[in-house]
């Protein structure tokens, strides 16, 4: 699933492919925005963790499940 995250005072957005479901990402964002969690914590498909301070979130765009890439484009 593709997730795009806008961060305040940053020129570029963060784009990651996550193995998490849309509901899991949405609940993590909701917890960060309502003050339950101080960090938005997500993991990408390679196991890397992305931590963003909740007060710096500008927007989060949750996309659809990306089709599996085949061929030289997977490199």
C-alpha atoms as a PDB file:
ATOM      1  CA  UNK A   1       0.000   0.000   0.000  1.00  0.00           C
ATOM      2  CA  UNK A   2       1.358   3.404  -0.939  1.00  0.00           C
ATOM      3  CA  UNK A   3       1.374   6.039   1.801  1.00  0.00           C
ATOM      4  CA  UNK A   4       2.299   9.692   1.191  1.00  0.00           C
ATOM      5  CA  UNK A   5       3.042  11.855   4.219  1.00  0.00           C
ATOM      6  CA  UNK A   6       3.377  15.616   4.152  1.00  0.00           C
ATOM      7  CA  UNK A   7       5.561  17.110   6.867  1.00  0.00           C
ATOM      8  CA  UNK A   8       5.388  20.764   7.890  1.00  0.00           C
ATOM      9  CA  UNK A   9       8.416  22.863   6.898  1.00  0.00           C
ATOM     10  CA  UNK A  10       9.719  20.117   4.594  1.00  0.00           C
ATOM     11  CA  UNK A  11       9.983  20.630   0.859  1.00  0.00           C
ATOM     12  CA  UNK A  12       9.304  17.014  -0.095  1.00  0.00           C
ATOM     13  CA  UNK A  13       6.725  14.503   1.010  1.00  0.00           C
ATOM     14  CA  UNK A  14       7.596  11.068   2.368  1.00  0.00           C
ATOM     15  CA  UNK A  15       6.417   8.231   0.114  1.00  0.00           C
ATOM     16  CA  UNK A  16       6.592   4.619   1.225  1.00  0.00           C
ATOM     17  CA  UNK A  17       5.220   1.244   0.257  1.00  0.00           C
ATOM     18  CA  UNK A  18       3.855  -0.376   3.392  1.00  0.00           C
ATOM     19  CA  UNK A  19       2.755  -3.935   4.083  1.00  0.00           C
ATOM     20  CA  UNK A  20       0.276  -2.560   6.645  1.00  0.00           C
ATOM     21  CA  UNK A  21      -3.403  -2.405   5.755  1.00  0.00           C
ATOM     22  CA  UNK A  22      -5.254   0.856   5.183  1.00  0.00           C
ATOM     23  CA  UNK A  23      -7.068   0.403   8.502  1.00  0.00           C
ATOM     24  CA  UNK A  24      -3.789  -0.052  10.391  1.00  0.00           C
ATOM     25  CA  UNK A  25      -2.287   3.074   8.828  1.00  0.00           C
ATOM     26  CA  UNK A  26      -5.466   5.052   9.492  1.00  0.00           C
ATOM     27  CA  UNK A  27      -5.572   4.025  13.162  1.00  0.00           C
ATOM     28  CA  UNK A  28      -1.878   4.943  13.599  1.00  0.00           C
ATOM     29  CA  UNK A  29      -2.527   8.381  12.067  1.00  0.00           C
ATOM     30  CA  UNK A  30      -5.638   8.895  14.203  1.00  0.00           C
ATOM     31  CA  UNK A  31      -3.714   7.996  17.370  1.00  0.00           C
ATOM     32  CA  UNK A  32      -0.977  10.483  16.454  1.00  0.00           C
ATOM     33  CA  UNK A  33      -3.436  13.273  15.705  1.00  0.00           C
ATOM     34  CA  UNK A  34      -5.632  12.863  18.794  1.00  0.00           C
ATOM     35  CA  UNK A  35      -2.629  12.992  21.124  1.00  0.00           C
ATOM     36  CA  UNK A  36      -2.604   9.318  22.134  1.00  0.00           C
ATOM     37  CA  UNK A  37       0.780   8.844  20.438  1.00  0.00           C
ATOM     38  CA  UNK A  38       3.433  11.532  20.060  1.00  0.00           C
ATOM     39  CA  UNK A  39       4.930   9.819  16.993  1.00  0.00           C
ATOM     40  CA  UNK A  40       3.441   8.424  13.809  1.00  0.00           C
ATOM     41  CA  UNK A  41       5.108   5.019  13.441  1.00  0.00           C
ATOM     42  CA  UNK A  42       4.922   3.151  10.140  1.00  0.00           C
ATOM     43  CA  UNK A  43       6.971   0.356   8.570  1.00  0.00           C
ATOM     44  CA  UNK A  44       7.743  -0.114   4.901  1.00  0.00           C
ATOM     45  CA  UNK A  45       7.900  -3.366   2.937  1.00  0.00           C
ATOM     46  CA  UNK A  46      11.625  -3.772   3.660  1.00  0.00           C
ATOM     47  CA  UNK A  47      11.192  -3.580   7.435  1.00  0.00           C
ATOM     48  CA  UNK A  48      12.463  -0.020   7.811  1.00  0.00           C
ATOM     49  CA  UNK A  49      10.602   2.078  10.369  1.00  0.00           C
ATOM     50  CA  UNK A  50       9.462   5.635   9.730  1.00  0.00           C
ATOM     51  CA  UNK A  51       8.904   7.856  12.773  1.00  0.00           C
ATOM     52  CA  UNK A  52       7.371  11.305  12.377  1.00  0.00           C
ATOM     53  CA  UNK A  53       6.501  13.692  15.234  1.00  0.00           C
ATOM     54  CA  UNK A  54       2.714  14.047  15.363  1.00  0.00           C
ATOM     55  CA  UNK A  55       2.814  17.847  15.678  1.00  0.00           C
ATOM     56  CA  UNK A  56       4.686  18.074  12.330  1.00  0.00           C
ATOM     57  CA  UNK A  57       2.124  16.148  10.245  1.00  0.00           C
ATOM     58  CA  UNK A  58       0.592  18.186   7.441  1.00  0.00           C
ATOM     59  CA  UNK A  59      -1.339  15.424   5.647  1.00  0.00           C
ATOM     60  CA  UNK A  60      -1.394  11.667   5.084  1.00  0.00           C
ATOM     61  CA  UNK A  61      -2.603  10.157   1.820  1.00  0.00           C
ATOM     62  CA  UNK A  62      -3.403   6.453   1.945  1.00  0.00           C
ATOM     63  CA  UNK A  63      -3.411   4.855  -1.512  1.00  0.00           C
ATOM     64  CA  UNK A  64      -4.558   1.548  -2.834  1.00  0.00           C
ATOM     65  CA  UNK A  65      -2.579  -1.649  -2.774  1.00  0.00           C
ATOM     66  CA  UNK A  66       0.143  -1.345  -5.413  1.00  0.00           C
ATOM     67  CA  UNK A  67       0.348  -4.124  -7.999  1.00  0.00           C
ATOM     68  CA  UNK A  68       3.393  -6.330  -7.770  1.00  0.00           C
ATOM     69  CA  UNK A  69       6.243  -5.073  -9.930  1.00  0.00           C
ATOM     70  CA  UNK A  70       7.799  -7.480 -12.401  1.00  0.00           C
ATOM     71  CA  UNK A  71      10.988  -7.195 -14.426  1.00  0.00           C
ATOM     72  CA  UNK A  72      13.805  -4.693 -14.268  1.00  0.00           C
ATOM     73  CA  UNK A  73      11.566  -2.084 -12.591  1.00  0.00           C
ATOM     74  CA  UNK A  74      11.847  -3.993  -9.295  1.00  0.00           C
ATOM     75  CA  UNK A  75      15.518  -3.077  -8.855  1.00  0.00           C
END
